[in-house]
Amino acid sequence: TRDISAAVAVGYALRAIGRPVPLDPGAVCLLREERELVPLIARGLG
């Protein structure tokens, strides 16, 4: 990975780092446009 964000995402997915405690998905309200950015940030895109 080229970016720390991507390293965190890959670390969680591959169980190389401890996964965080899940929270209630209904507790957060994001617009579709904001949600679309999450996987891109996780891939390390600028």
ModelCIF file with pLDDT and N, C-alpha, C, O atoms, coordinates in Angstrom:
data_MODEL
#
_entry.id   MODEL 
#
_entity.id                         1 
_entity.type                       polymer 
_entity.pdbx_number_of_molecules   1 
#
_entity_poly.entity_id                      1 
_entity_poly.type                           'polypeptide(L)' 
_entity_poly.nstd_linkage                   no 
_entity_poly.nstd_monomer                   no 
_entity_poly.pdbx_seq_one_letter_code       TRDISAAVAVGYALRAIGRPVPLDPGAVCLLREERELVPLIARGLG 
_entity_poly.pdbx_seq_one_letter_code_can   TRDISAAVAVGYALRAIGRPVPLDPGAVCLLREERELVPLIARGLG 
_entity_poly.pdbx_strand_id                 A 
#
loop_
_entity_poly_seq.entity_id 
_entity_poly_seq.num 
_entity_poly_seq.mon_id 
_entity_poly_seq.hetero 
1 1  THR n 
1 2  ARG n 
1 3  ASP n 
1 4  ILE n 
1 5  SER n 
1 6  ALA n 
1 7  ALA n 
1 8  VAL n 
1 9  ALA n 
1 10 VAL n 
1 11 GLY n 
1 12 TYR n 
1 13 ALA n 
1 14 LEU n 
1 15 ARG n 
1 16 ALA n 
1 17 ILE n 
1 18 GLY n 
1 19 ARG n 
1 20 PRO n 
1 21 VAL n 
1 22 PRO n 
1 23 LEU n 
1 24 ASP n 
1 25 PRO n 
1 26 GLY n 
1 27 ALA n 
1 28 VAL n 
1 29 CYS n 
1 30 LEU n 
1 31 LEU n 
1 32 ARG n 
1 33 GLU n 
1 34 GLU n 
1 35 ARG n 
1 36 GLU n 
1 37 LEU n 
1 38 VAL n 
1 39 PRO n 
1 40 LEU n 
1 41 ILE n 
1 42 ALA n 
1 43 ARG n 
1 44 GLY n 
1 45 LEU n 
1 46 GLY n 
#
_struct_asym.id          A 
_struct_asym.entity_id   1 
#
loop_
_ma_qa_metric.id 
_ma_qa_metric.mode 
_ma_qa_metric.name 
_ma_qa_metric.software_group_id 
_ma_qa_metric.type 
1 global pLDDT . pLDDT 
2 local  pLDDT . pLDDT 
#
_ma_qa_metric_global.metric_id      1 
_ma_qa_metric_global.metric_value   96.15 
_ma_qa_metric_global.model_id       1 
_ma_qa_metric_global.ordinal_id     1 
#
loop_
_ma_qa_metric_local.label_asym_id 
_ma_qa_metric_local.label_comp_id 
_ma_qa_metric_local.label_seq_id 
_ma_qa_metric_local.metric_id 
_ma_qa_metric_local.metric_value 
_ma_qa_metric_local.model_id 
_ma_qa_metric_local.ordinal_id 
A THR 1  2 93.00 1 1  
A ARG 2  2 92.00 1 2  
A ASP 3  2 95.00 1 3  
A ILE 4  2 97.00 1 4  
A SER 5  2 97.00 1 5  
A ALA 6  2 97.00 1 6  
A ALA 7  2 97.00 1 7  
A VAL 8  2 98.00 1 8  
A ALA 9  2 97.00 1 9  
A VAL 10 2 96.00 1 10 
A GLY 11 2 97.00 1 11 
A TYR 12 2 97.00 1 12 
A ALA 13 2 95.00 1 13 
A LEU 14 2 94.00 1 14 
A ARG 15 2 94.00 1 15 
A ALA 16 2 95.00 1 16 
A ILE 17 2 97.00 1 17 
A GLY 18 2 95.00 1 18 
A ARG 19 2 96.00 1 19 
A PRO 20 2 97.00 1 20 
A VAL 21 2 96.00 1 21 
A PRO 22 2 96.00 1 22 
A LEU 23 2 96.00 1 23 
A ASP 24 2 96.00 1 24 
A PRO 25 2 94.00 1 25 
A GLY 26 2 94.00 1 26 
A ALA 27 2 95.00 1 27 
A VAL 28 2 95.00 1 28 
A CYS 29 2 94.00 1 29 
A LEU 30 2 97.00 1 30 
A LEU 31 2 97.00 1 31 
A ARG 32 2 97.00 1 32 
A GLU 33 2 97.00 1 33 
A GLU 34 2 98.00 1 34 
A ARG 35 2 97.00 1 35 
A GLU 36 2 97.00 1 36 
A LEU 37 2 98.00 1 37 
A VAL 38 2 98.00 1 38 
A PRO 39 2 97.00 1 39 
A LEU 40 2 97.00 1 40 
A ILE 41 2 98.00 1 41 
A ALA 42 2 97.00 1 42 
A ARG 43 2 96.00 1 43 
A GLY 44 2 96.00 1 44 
A LEU 45 2 97.00 1 45 
A GLY 46 2 97.00 1 46 
#
loop_
_atom_site.group_PDB 
_atom_site.id 
_atom_site.type_symbol 
_atom_site.label_atom_id 
_atom_site.label_alt_id 
_atom_site.label_comp_id 
_atom_site.label_asym_id 
_atom_site.label_entity_id 
_atom_site.label_seq_id 
_atom_site.pdbx_PDB_ins_code 
_atom_site.Cartn_x 
_atom_site.Cartn_y 
_atom_site.Cartn_z 
_atom_site.occupancy 
_atom_site.B_iso_or_equiv 
_atom_site.pdbx_formal_charge 
_atom_site.auth_seq_id 
_atom_site.auth_comp_id 
_atom_site.auth_asym_id 
_atom_site.auth_atom_id 
_atom_site.pdbx_PDB_model_num 
ATOM 1   N N  . THR A 1 1  ? 0.841   -1.192  0.000  1.00 93.00 ? 1  THR A N  1 
ATOM 2   C CA . THR A 1 1  ? 0.000   0.000   0.000  1.00 93.00 ? 1  THR A CA 1 
ATOM 3   C C  . THR A 1 1  ? 0.877   1.243   0.000  1.00 93.00 ? 1  THR A C  1 
ATOM 4   O O  . THR A 1 1  ? 1.967   1.254   0.573  1.00 93.00 ? 1  THR A O  1 
ATOM 5   N N  . ARG A 1 2  ? 0.388   2.282   -0.647 1.00 92.00 ? 2  ARG A N  1 
ATOM 6   C CA . ARG A 1 2  ? 1.183   3.508   -0.765 1.00 92.00 ? 2  ARG A CA 1 
ATOM 7   C C  . ARG A 1 2  ? 0.751   4.581   0.217  1.00 92.00 ? 2  ARG A C  1 
ATOM 8   O O  . ARG A 1 2  ? 1.412   5.611   0.347  1.00 92.00 ? 2  ARG A O  1 
ATOM 9   N N  . ASP A 1 3  ? -0.341  4.348   0.899  1.00 95.00 ? 3  ASP A N  1 
ATOM 10  C CA . ASP A 1 3  ? -0.937  5.367   1.750  1.00 95.00 ? 3  ASP A CA 1 
ATOM 11  C C  . ASP A 1 3  ? -1.286  4.741   3.103  1.00 95.00 ? 3  ASP A C  1 
ATOM 12  O O  . ASP A 1 3  ? -1.619  3.558   3.170  1.00 95.00 ? 3  ASP A O  1 
ATOM 13  N N  . ILE A 1 4  ? -1.212  5.516   4.163  1.00 97.00 ? 4  ILE A N  1 
ATOM 14  C CA . ILE A 1 4  ? -1.533  4.996   5.491  1.00 97.00 ? 4  ILE A CA 1 
ATOM 15  C C  . ILE A 1 4  ? -2.997  4.571   5.569  1.00 97.00 ? 4  ILE A C  1 
ATOM 16  O O  . ILE A 1 4  ? -3.319  3.574   6.215  1.00 97.00 ? 4  ILE A O  1 
ATOM 17  N N  . SER A 1 5  ? -3.878  5.315   4.921  1.00 97.00 ? 5  SER A N  1 
ATOM 18  C CA . SER A 1 5  ? -5.299  4.944   4.919  1.00 97.00 ? 5  SER A CA 1 
ATOM 19  C C  . SER A 1 5  ? -5.495  3.564   4.320  1.00 97.00 ? 5  SER A C  1 
ATOM 20  O O  . SER A 1 5  ? -6.251  2.748   4.847  1.00 97.00 ? 5  SER A O  1 
ATOM 21  N N  . ALA A 1 6  ? -4.816  3.310   3.224  1.00 97.00 ? 6  ALA A N  1 
ATOM 22  C CA . ALA A 1 6  ? -4.908  2.000   2.575  1.00 97.00 ? 6  ALA A CA 1 
ATOM 23  C C  . ALA A 1 6  ? -4.298  0.919   3.453  1.00 97.00 ? 6  ALA A C  1 
ATOM 24  O O  . ALA A 1 6  ? -4.811  -0.199  3.503  1.00 97.00 ? 6  ALA A O  1 
ATOM 25  N N  . ALA A 1 7  ? -3.209  1.237   4.146  1.00 97.00 ? 7  ALA A N  1 
ATOM 26  C CA . ALA A 1 7  ? -2.587  0.266   5.042  1.00 97.00 ? 7  ALA A CA 1 
ATOM 27  C C  . ALA A 1 7  ? -3.550  -0.110  6.162  1.00 97.00 ? 7  ALA A C  1 
ATOM 28  O O  . ALA A 1 7  ? -3.618  -1.277  6.548  1.00 97.00 ? 7  ALA A O  1 
ATOM 29  N N  . VAL A 1 8  ? -4.285  0.848   6.683  1.00 98.00 ? 8  VAL A N  1 
ATOM 30  C CA . VAL A 1 8  ? -5.268  0.569   7.733  1.00 98.00 ? 8  VAL A CA 1 
ATOM 31  C C  . VAL A 1 8  ? -6.371  -0.328  7.179  1.00 98.00 ? 8  VAL A C  1 
ATOM 32  O O  . VAL A 1 8  ? -6.728  -1.325  7.808  1.00 98.00 ? 8  VAL A O  1 
ATOM 33  N N  . ALA A 1 9  ? -6.913  0.011   6.017  1.00 97.00 ? 9  ALA A N  1 
ATOM 34  C CA . ALA A 1 9  ? -7.988  -0.783  5.412  1.00 97.00 ? 9  ALA A CA 1 
ATOM 35  C C  . ALA A 1 9  ? -7.530  -2.214  5.137  1.00 97.00 ? 9  ALA A C  1 
ATOM 36  O O  . ALA A 1 9  ? -8.226  -3.174  5.470  1.00 97.00 ? 9  ALA A O  1 
ATOM 37  N N  . VAL A 1 10 ? -6.361  -2.346  4.531  1.00 96.00 ? 10 VAL A N  1 
ATOM 38  C CA . VAL A 1 10 ? -5.832  -3.675  4.219  1.00 96.00 ? 10 VAL A CA 1 
ATOM 39  C C  . VAL A 1 10 ? -5.500  -4.422  5.505  1.00 96.00 ? 10 VAL A C  1 
ATOM 40  O O  . VAL A 1 10 ? -5.732  -5.627  5.604  1.00 96.00 ? 10 VAL A O  1 
ATOM 41  N N  . GLY A 1 11 ? -4.958  -3.708  6.489  1.00 97.00 ? 11 GLY A N  1 
ATOM 42  C CA . GLY A 1 11 ? -4.666  -4.324  7.779  1.00 97.00 ? 11 GLY A CA 1 
ATOM 43  C C  . GLY A 1 11 ? -5.903  -4.914  8.435  1.00 97.00 ? 11 GLY A C  1 
ATOM 44  O O  . GLY A 1 11 ? -5.851  -6.015  8.983  1.00 97.00 ? 11 GLY A O  1 
ATOM 45  N N  . TYR A 1 12 ? -7.014  -4.188  8.385  1.00 97.00 ? 12 TYR A N  1 
ATOM 46  C CA . TYR A 1 12 ? -8.263  -4.712  8.934  1.00 97.00 ? 12 TYR A CA 1 
ATOM 47  C C  . TYR A 1 12 ? -8.746  -5.911  8.122  1.00 97.00 ? 12 TYR A C  1 
ATOM 48  O O  . TYR A 1 12 ? -9.084  -6.953  8.684  1.00 97.00 ? 12 TYR A O  1 
ATOM 49  N N  . ALA A 1 13 ? -8.778  -5.762  6.806  1.00 95.00 ? 13 ALA A N  1 
ATOM 50  C CA . ALA A 1 13 ? -9.311  -6.821  5.946  1.00 95.00 ? 13 ALA A CA 1 
ATOM 51  C C  . ALA A 1 13 ? -8.509  -8.111  6.073  1.00 95.00 ? 13 ALA A C  1 
ATOM 52  O O  . ALA A 1 13 ? -9.080  -9.202  6.075  1.00 95.00 ? 13 ALA A O  1 
ATOM 53  N N  . LEU A 1 14 ? -7.190  -7.991  6.180  1.00 94.00 ? 14 LEU A N  1 
ATOM 54  C CA . LEU A 1 14 ? -6.326  -9.180  6.248  1.00 94.00 ? 14 LEU A CA 1 
ATOM 55  C C  . LEU A 1 14 ? -6.044  -9.612  7.684  1.00 94.00 ? 14 LEU A C  1 
ATOM 56  O O  . LEU A 1 14 ? -5.286  -10.552 7.924  1.00 94.00 ? 14 LEU A O  1 
ATOM 57  N N  . ARG A 1 15 ? -6.659  -8.920  8.625  1.00 94.00 ? 15 ARG A N  1 
ATOM 58  C CA . ARG A 1 15 ? -6.519  -9.239  10.056 1.00 94.00 ? 15 ARG A CA 1 
ATOM 59  C C  . ARG A 1 15 ? -5.075  -9.113  10.553 1.00 94.00 ? 15 ARG A C  1 
ATOM 60  O O  . ARG A 1 15 ? -4.639  -9.844  11.442 1.00 94.00 ? 15 ARG A O  1 
ATOM 61  N N  . ALA A 1 16 ? -4.363  -8.186  9.965  1.00 95.00 ? 16 ALA A N  1 
ATOM 62  C CA . ALA A 1 16 ? -2.981  -7.927  10.383 1.00 95.00 ? 16 ALA A CA 1 
ATOM 63  C C  . ALA A 1 16 ? -2.935  -6.979  11.571 1.00 95.00 ? 16 ALA A C  1 
ATOM 64  O O  . ALA A 1 16 ? -1.953  -6.945  12.313 1.00 95.00 ? 16 ALA A O  1 
ATOM 65  N N  . ILE A 1 17 ? -4.007  -6.206  11.747 1.00 97.00 ? 17 ILE A N  1 
ATOM 66  C CA . ILE A 1 17 ? -4.140  -5.329  12.911 1.00 97.00 ? 17 ILE A CA 1 
ATOM 67  C C  . ILE A 1 17 ? -5.504  -5.607  13.537 1.00 97.00 ? 17 ILE A C  1 
ATOM 68  O O  . ILE A 1 17 ? -6.412  -6.120  12.883 1.00 97.00 ? 17 ILE A O  1 
ATOM 69  N N  . GLY A 1 18 ? -5.627  -5.262  14.803 1.00 95.00 ? 18 GLY A N  1 
ATOM 70  C CA . GLY A 1 18 ? -6.885  -5.501  15.501 1.00 95.00 ? 18 GLY A CA 1 
ATOM 71  C C  . GLY A 1 18 ? -8.021  -4.688  14.910 1.00 95.00 ? 18 GLY A C  1 
ATOM 72  O O  . GLY A 1 18 ? -7.888  -3.487  14.677 1.00 95.00 ? 18 GLY A O  1 
ATOM 73  N N  . ARG A 1 19 ? -9.126  -5.350  14.673 1.00 96.00 ? 19 ARG A N  1 
ATOM 74  C CA . ARG A 1 19 ? -10.296 -4.659  14.125 1.00 96.00 ? 19 ARG A CA 1 
ATOM 75  C C  . ARG A 1 19 ? -10.987 -3.853  15.221 1.00 96.00 ? 19 ARG A C  1 
ATOM 76  O O  . ARG A 1 19 ? -11.042 -4.271  16.378 1.00 96.00 ? 19 ARG A O  1 
ATOM 77  N N  . PRO A 1 20 ? -11.508 -2.699  14.840 1.00 97.00 ? 20 PRO A N  1 
ATOM 78  C CA . PRO A 1 20 ? -12.174 -1.863  15.847 1.00 97.00 ? 20 PRO A CA 1 
ATOM 79  C C  . PRO A 1 20 ? -13.531 -2.434  16.251 1.00 97.00 ? 20 PRO A C  1 
ATOM 80  O O  . PRO A 1 20 ? -14.131 -3.234  15.533 1.00 97.00 ? 20 PRO A O  1 
ATOM 81  N N  . VAL A 1 21 ? -13.985 -2.007  17.399 1.00 96.00 ? 21 VAL A N  1 
ATOM 82  C CA . VAL A 1 21 ? -15.289 -2.424  17.907 1.00 96.00 ? 21 VAL A CA 1 
ATOM 83  C C  . VAL A 1 21 ? -16.371 -1.831  17.001 1.00 96.00 ? 21 VAL A C  1 
ATOM 84  O O  . VAL A 1 21 ? -16.372 -0.625  16.753 1.00 96.00 ? 21 VAL A O  1 
ATOM 85  N N  . PRO A 1 22 ? -17.292 -2.665  16.504 1.00 96.00 ? 22 PRO A N  1 
ATOM 86  C CA . PRO A 1 22 ? -18.373 -2.139  15.652 1.00 96.00 ? 22 PRO A CA 1 
ATOM 87  C C  . PRO A 1 22 ? -19.295 -1.201  16.429 1.00 96.00 ? 22 PRO A C  1 
ATOM 88  O O  . PRO A 1 22 ? -19.499 -1.343  17.635 1.00 96.00 ? 22 PRO A O  1 
ATOM 89  N N  . LEU A 1 23 ? -19.840 -0.244  15.693 1.00 96.00 ? 23 LEU A N  1 
ATOM 90  C CA . LEU A 1 23 ? -20.800 0.706   16.249 1.00 96.00 ? 23 LEU A CA 1 
ATOM 91  C C  . LEU A 1 23 ? -22.101 0.590   15.461 1.00 96.00 ? 23 LEU A C  1 
ATOM 92  O O  . LEU A 1 23 ? -22.125 -0.024  14.395 1.00 96.00 ? 23 LEU A O  1 
ATOM 93  N N  . ASP A 1 24 ? -23.158 1.161   15.967 1.00 96.00 ? 24 ASP A N  1 
ATOM 94  C CA . ASP A 1 24 ? -24.460 1.113   15.322 1.00 96.00 ? 24 ASP A CA 1 
ATOM 95  C C  . ASP A 1 24 ? -24.422 1.877   13.999 1.00 96.00 ? 24 ASP A C  1 
ATOM 96  O O  . ASP A 1 24 ? -24.235 3.093   13.991 1.00 96.00 ? 24 ASP A O  1 
ATOM 97  N N  . PRO A 1 25 ? -24.602 1.159   12.865 1.00 94.00 ? 25 PRO A N  1 
ATOM 98  C CA . PRO A 1 25 ? -24.575 1.840   11.562 1.00 94.00 ? 25 PRO A CA 1 
ATOM 99  C C  . PRO A 1 25 ? -25.626 2.937   11.430 1.00 94.00 ? 25 PRO A C  1 
ATOM 100 O O  . PRO A 1 25 ? -25.446 3.875   10.654 1.00 94.00 ? 25 PRO A O  1 
ATOM 101 N N  . GLY A 1 26 ? -26.716 2.828   12.175 1.00 94.00 ? 26 GLY A N  1 
ATOM 102 C CA . GLY A 1 26 ? -27.766 3.840   12.119 1.00 94.00 ? 26 GLY A CA 1 
ATOM 103 C C  . GLY A 1 26 ? -27.412 5.125   12.843 1.00 94.00 ? 26 GLY A C  1 
ATOM 104 O O  . GLY A 1 26 ? -28.143 6.112   12.760 1.00 94.00 ? 26 GLY A O  1 
ATOM 105 N N  . ALA A 1 27 ? -26.293 5.115   13.554 1.00 95.00 ? 27 ALA A N  1 
ATOM 106 C CA . ALA A 1 27 ? -25.895 6.288   14.338 1.00 95.00 ? 27 ALA A CA 1 
ATOM 107 C C  . ALA A 1 27 ? -25.192 7.347   13.502 1.00 95.00 ? 27 ALA A C  1 
ATOM 108 O O  . ALA A 1 27 ? -24.896 8.435   13.996 1.00 95.00 ? 27 ALA A O  1 
ATOM 109 N N  . VAL A 1 28 ? -24.923 7.036   12.244 1.00 95.00 ? 28 VAL A N  1 
ATOM 110 C CA . VAL A 1 28 ? -24.220 8.000   11.391 1.00 95.00 ? 28 VAL A CA 1 
ATOM 111 C C  . VAL A 1 28 ? -25.079 8.290   10.158 1.00 95.00 ? 28 VAL A C  1 
ATOM 112 O O  . VAL A 1 28 ? -25.667 7.387   9.562  1.00 95.00 ? 28 VAL A O  1 
ATOM 113 N N  . CYS A 1 29 ? -25.133 9.554   9.799  1.00 94.00 ? 29 CYS A N  1 
ATOM 114 C CA . CYS A 1 29 ? -25.926 9.979   8.644  1.00 94.00 ? 29 CYS A CA 1 
ATOM 115 C C  . CYS A 1 29 ? -24.999 10.689  7.657  1.00 94.00 ? 29 CYS A C  1 
ATOM 116 O O  . CYS A 1 29 ? -24.519 11.794  7.912  1.00 94.00 ? 29 CYS A O  1 
ATOM 117 N N  . LEU A 1 30 ? -24.766 10.033  6.539  1.00 97.00 ? 30 LEU A N  1 
ATOM 118 C CA . LEU A 1 30 ? -23.896 10.602  5.506  1.00 97.00 ? 30 LEU A CA 1 
ATOM 119 C C  . LEU A 1 30 ? -24.654 10.667  4.192  1.00 97.00 ? 30 LEU A C  1 
ATOM 120 O O  . LEU A 1 30 ? -25.508 9.829   3.907  1.00 97.00 ? 30 LEU A O  1 
ATOM 121 N N  . LEU A 1 31 ? -24.330 11.666  3.406  1.00 97.00 ? 31 LEU A N  1 
ATOM 122 C CA . LEU A 1 31 ? -24.885 11.757  2.058  1.00 97.00 ? 31 LEU A CA 1 
ATOM 123 C C  . LEU A 1 31 ? -24.242 10.708  1.164  1.00 97.00 ? 31 LEU A C  1 
ATOM 124 O O  . LEU A 1 31 ? -23.132 10.249  1.435  1.00 97.00 ? 31 LEU A O  1 
ATOM 125 N N  . ARG A 1 32 ? -24.933 10.333  0.107  1.00 97.00 ? 32 ARG A N  1 
ATOM 126 C CA . ARG A 1 32 ? -24.412 9.349   -0.847 1.00 97.00 ? 32 ARG A CA 1 
ATOM 127 C C  . ARG A 1 32 ? -23.047 9.784   -1.382 1.00 97.00 ? 32 ARG A C  1 
ATOM 128 O O  . ARG A 1 32 ? -22.143 8.961   -1.524 1.00 97.00 ? 32 ARG A O  1 
ATOM 129 N N  . GLU A 1 33 ? -22.898 11.074  -1.679 1.00 97.00 ? 33 GLU A N  1 
ATOM 130 C CA . GLU A 1 33 ? -21.639 11.591  -2.225 1.00 97.00 ? 33 GLU A CA 1 
ATOM 131 C C  . GLU A 1 33 ? -20.488 11.429  -1.229 1.00 97.00 ? 33 GLU A C  1 
ATOM 132 O O  . GLU A 1 33 ? -19.346 11.195  -1.624 1.00 97.00 ? 33 GLU A O  1 
ATOM 133 N N  . GLU A 1 34 ? -20.791 11.553  0.037  1.00 98.00 ? 34 GLU A N  1 
ATOM 134 C CA . GLU A 1 34 ? -19.773 11.376  1.073  1.00 98.00 ? 34 GLU A CA 1 
ATOM 135 C C  . GLU A 1 34 ? -19.412 9.902   1.209  1.00 98.00 ? 34 GLU A C  1 
ATOM 136 O O  . GLU A 1 34 ? -18.236 9.551   1.303  1.00 98.00 ? 34 GLU A O  1 
ATOM 137 N N  . ARG A 1 35 ? -20.420 9.045   1.219  1.00 97.00 ? 35 ARG A N  1 
ATOM 138 C CA . ARG A 1 35 ? -20.187 7.592   1.326  1.00 97.00 ? 35 ARG A CA 1 
ATOM 139 C C  . ARG A 1 35 ? -19.362 7.062   0.157  1.00 97.00 ? 35 ARG A C  1 
ATOM 140 O O  . ARG A 1 35 ? -18.543 6.159   0.323  1.00 97.00 ? 35 ARG A O  1 
ATOM 141 N N  . GLU A 1 36 ? -19.584 7.628   -1.014 1.00 97.00 ? 36 GLU A N  1 
ATOM 142 C CA . GLU A 1 36 ? -18.840 7.179   -2.207 1.00 97.00 ? 36 GLU A CA 1 
ATOM 143 C C  . GLU A 1 36 ? -17.336 7.374   -2.059 1.00 97.00 ? 36 GLU A C  1 
ATOM 144 O O  . GLU A 1 36 ? -16.552 6.671   -2.697 1.00 97.00 ? 36 GLU A O  1 
ATOM 145 N N  . LEU A 1 37 ? -16.938 8.314   -1.231 1.00 98.00 ? 37 LEU A N  1 
ATOM 146 C CA . LEU A 1 37 ? -15.517 8.600   -1.060 1.00 98.00 ? 37 LEU A CA 1 
ATOM 147 C C  . LEU A 1 37 ? -14.815 7.592   -0.152 1.00 98.00 ? 37 LEU A C  1 
ATOM 148 O O  . LEU A 1 37 ? -13.596 7.442   -0.232 1.00 98.00 ? 37 LEU A O  1 
ATOM 149 N N  . VAL A 1 38 ? -15.552 6.906   0.700  1.00 98.00 ? 38 VAL A N  1 
ATOM 150 C CA . VAL A 1 38 ? -14.944 6.008   1.685  1.00 98.00 ? 38 VAL A CA 1 
ATOM 151 C C  . VAL A 1 38 ? -14.063 4.941   1.037  1.00 98.00 ? 38 VAL A C  1 
ATOM 152 O O  . VAL A 1 38 ? -12.899 4.823   1.421  1.00 98.00 ? 38 VAL A O  1 
ATOM 153 N N  . PRO A 1 39 ? -14.558 4.155   0.072  1.00 97.00 ? 39 PRO A N  1 
ATOM 154 C CA . PRO A 1 39 ? -13.675 3.139   -0.511 1.00 97.00 ? 39 PRO A CA 1 
ATOM 155 C C  . PRO A 1 39 ? -12.500 3.740   -1.284 1.00 97.00 ? 39 PRO A C  1 
ATOM 156 O O  . PRO A 1 39 ? -11.452 3.108   -1.414 1.00 97.00 ? 39 PRO A O  1 
ATOM 157 N N  . LEU A 1 40 ? -12.673 4.935   -1.786 1.00 97.00 ? 40 LEU A N  1 
ATOM 158 C CA . LEU A 1 40 ? -11.585 5.592   -2.518 1.00 97.00 ? 40 LEU A CA 1 
ATOM 159 C C  . LEU A 1 40 ? -10.489 6.032   -1.549 1.00 97.00 ? 40 LEU A C  1 
ATOM 160 O O  . LEU A 1 40 ? -9.301  5.903   -1.847 1.00 97.00 ? 40 LEU A O  1 
ATOM 161 N N  . ILE A 1 41 ? -10.888 6.547   -0.397 1.00 98.00 ? 41 ILE A N  1 
ATOM 162 C CA . ILE A 1 41 ? -9.925  6.901   0.643  1.00 98.00 ? 41 ILE A CA 1 
ATOM 163 C C  . ILE A 1 41 ? -9.217  5.639   1.115  1.00 98.00 ? 41 ILE A C  1 
ATOM 164 O O  . ILE A 1 41 ? -8.002  5.627   1.312  1.00 98.00 ? 41 ILE A O  1 
ATOM 165 N N  . ALA A 1 42 ? -10.000 4.575   1.293  1.00 97.00 ? 42 ALA A N  1 
ATOM 166 C CA . ALA A 1 42 ? -9.425  3.305   1.753  1.00 97.00 ? 42 ALA A CA 1 
ATOM 167 C C  . ALA A 1 42 ? -8.430  2.727   0.746  1.00 97.00 ? 42 ALA A C  1 
ATOM 168 O O  . ALA A 1 42 ? -7.516  1.998   1.131  1.00 97.00 ? 42 ALA A O  1 
ATOM 169 N N  . ARG A 1 43 ? -8.596  3.039   -0.510 1.00 96.00 ? 43 ARG A N  1 
ATOM 170 C CA . ARG A 1 43 ? -7.637  2.593   -1.531 1.00 96.00 ? 43 ARG A CA 1 
ATOM 171 C C  . ARG A 1 43 ? -6.411  3.491   -1.587 1.00 96.00 ? 43 ARG A C  1 
ATOM 172 O O  . ARG A 1 43 ? -5.430  3.166   -2.256 1.00 96.00 ? 43 ARG A O  1 
ATOM 173 N N  . GLY A 1 44 ? -6.463  4.622   -0.885 1.00 96.00 ? 44 GLY A N  1 
ATOM 174 C CA . GLY A 1 44 ? -5.324  5.523   -0.844 1.00 96.00 ? 44 GLY A CA 1 
ATOM 175 C C  . GLY A 1 44 ? -5.323  6.573   -1.930 1.00 96.00 ? 44 GLY A C  1 
ATOM 176 O O  . GLY A 1 44 ? -4.289  7.185   -2.196 1.00 96.00 ? 44 GLY A O  1 
ATOM 177 N N  . LEU A 1 45 ? -6.476  6.796   -2.572 1.00 97.00 ? 45 LEU A N  1 
ATOM 178 C CA . LEU A 1 45 ? -6.543  7.806   -3.625 1.00 97.00 ? 45 LEU A CA 1 
ATOM 179 C C  . LEU A 1 45 ? -6.551  9.203   -3.025 1.00 97.00 ? 45 LEU A C  1 
ATOM 180 O O  . LEU A 1 45 ? -7.116  9.427   -1.955 1.00 97.00 ? 45 LEU A O  1 
ATOM 181 N N  . GLY A 1 46 ? -5.923  10.136  -3.720 1.00 97.00 ? 46 GLY A N  1 
ATOM 182 C CA . GLY A 1 46 ? -5.939  11.528  -3.321 1.00 97.00 ? 46 GLY A CA 1 
ATOM 183 C C  . GLY A 1 46 ? -7.158  12.230  -3.890 1.00 97.00 ? 46 GLY A C  1 
ATOM 184 O O  . GLY A 1 46 ? -7.347  13.424  -3.659 1.00 97.00 ? 46 GLY A O  1 
#
